[in-house]
Amino acid sequence: MPWYITKEIVADAIVAIIADGTQDISNKEETTIIVRYLEQSHNPDEPPKAVERLFKVFTLHTTSGTDFKAALWGLSMTTKFHLKI
């Protein structure tokens, strides 16, 4: 569940969303969402470090951009991870 990831990301952080998909044997699109962000150190002398987290794996029945956007929008609403799409 990605709820703990959203708690790690501060409200004003810039997040990169990495999406990748591949068709499985039943011709469904298995899609993976990874988020990349900077994690601030508690020590002000240390620079922030880049972090990548597996956010979600889900199945799309088509590969259309409209269906992908709808899936991302639904993911945004269920995790309270608000995306500007």
Protein backbone atom coordinates (compact mmCIF):
# COMPACT_ATOMS: atom_id res chain seq x y z
CA MET A 1 0.00 0.00 0.00
CA PRO A 2 1.51 3.35 -1.03
CA TRP A 3 0.12 5.38 1.90
CA TYR A 4 3.46 5.38 3.72
CA ILE A 5 5.18 6.78 0.63
CA THR A 6 2.85 9.76 0.54
CA LYS A 7 3.76 10.46 4.17
CA GLU A 8 7.47 10.47 3.27
CA ILE A 9 7.02 13.11 0.59
CA VAL A 10 6.69 16.62 1.92
CA ALA A 11 3.78 18.66 0.60
CA ASP A 12 5.84 20.98 -1.61
CA ALA A 13 8.15 18.29 -2.99
CA ILE A 14 8.60 17.78 -6.70
CA VAL A 15 7.97 14.16 -7.60
CA ALA A 16 8.83 12.31 -10.80
CA ILE A 17 6.39 9.58 -11.79
CA ILE A 18 7.88 6.70 -13.74
CA ALA A 19 5.41 4.39 -15.46
CA ASP A 20 6.24 1.26 -17.36
CA GLY A 21 4.07 -1.47 -18.74
CA THR A 22 4.31 -4.74 -20.57
CA GLN A 23 1.71 -7.14 -21.90
CA ASP A 24 1.35 -10.44 -20.14
CA ILE A 25 0.42 -13.71 -21.83
CA SER A 26 -3.31 -12.83 -21.70
CA ASN A 27 -2.65 -9.54 -23.58
CA LYS A 28 -3.40 -7.38 -20.55
CA GLU A 29 -1.11 -4.47 -19.78
CA GLU A 30 0.72 -4.96 -16.47
CA THR A 31 1.69 -1.45 -15.37
CA THR A 32 4.15 -0.37 -12.70
CA ILE A 33 4.27 3.09 -11.11
CA ILE A 34 7.45 4.24 -9.40
CA VAL A 35 7.87 7.63 -7.71
CA ARG A 36 11.21 9.41 -7.46
CA TYR A 37 11.74 12.29 -5.05
CA LEU A 38 14.38 13.95 -2.88
CA GLU A 39 14.50 12.95 0.76
CA GLN A 40 15.81 15.67 3.04
CA SER A 41 18.35 14.65 5.65
CA HIS A 42 17.88 15.53 9.31
CA ASN A 43 21.47 16.78 9.23
CA PRO A 44 21.60 20.18 7.44
CA ASP A 45 25.19 19.49 6.30
CA GLU A 46 24.12 16.45 4.26
CA PRO A 47 22.61 16.94 0.82
CA PRO A 48 19.22 15.41 0.04
CA LYS A 49 19.27 11.97 -1.51
CA ALA A 50 17.25 10.69 -4.44
CA VAL A 51 14.77 7.98 -3.47
CA GLU A 52 12.76 5.68 -5.73
CA ARG A 53 9.80 3.74 -4.38
CA LEU A 54 7.57 1.17 -6.03
CA PHE A 55 4.18 2.83 -5.73
CA LYS A 56 1.72 0.50 -7.44
CA VAL A 57 1.40 -2.43 -9.83
CA PHE A 58 -1.92 -2.79 -11.64
CA THR A 59 -3.51 -4.22 -14.78
CA LEU A 60 -4.97 -2.23 -17.66
CA HIS A 61 -7.14 -4.03 -20.16
CA THR A 62 -6.18 -1.63 -22.97
CA THR A 63 -3.12 0.47 -23.76
CA SER A 64 -4.93 3.70 -24.58
CA GLY A 65 -3.74 6.96 -23.09
CA THR A 66 -7.27 7.69 -21.90
CA ASP A 67 -7.42 4.48 -19.86
CA PHE A 68 -3.94 5.10 -18.45
CA LYS A 69 -4.89 8.64 -17.41
CA ALA A 70 -8.07 7.33 -15.76
CA ALA A 71 -6.05 4.72 -13.85
CA LEU A 72 -3.60 7.38 -12.62
CA TRP A 73 -6.48 9.64 -11.63
CA GLY A 74 -8.11 6.80 -9.67
CA LEU A 75 -4.80 6.02 -8.00
CA SER A 76 -4.45 9.67 -7.08
CA MET A 77 -7.87 9.74 -5.45
CA THR A 78 -7.49 6.49 -3.49
CA THR A 79 -4.07 7.35 -2.07
CA LYS A 80 -4.61 11.10 -1.53
CA PHE A 81 -1.50 11.56 -3.67
CA HIS A 82 -2.80 14.46 -5.72
CA LEU A 83 -1.57 14.60 -9.27
CA LYS A 84 -1.90 17.46 -11.67
CA ILE A 85 -2.72 15.57 -14.84
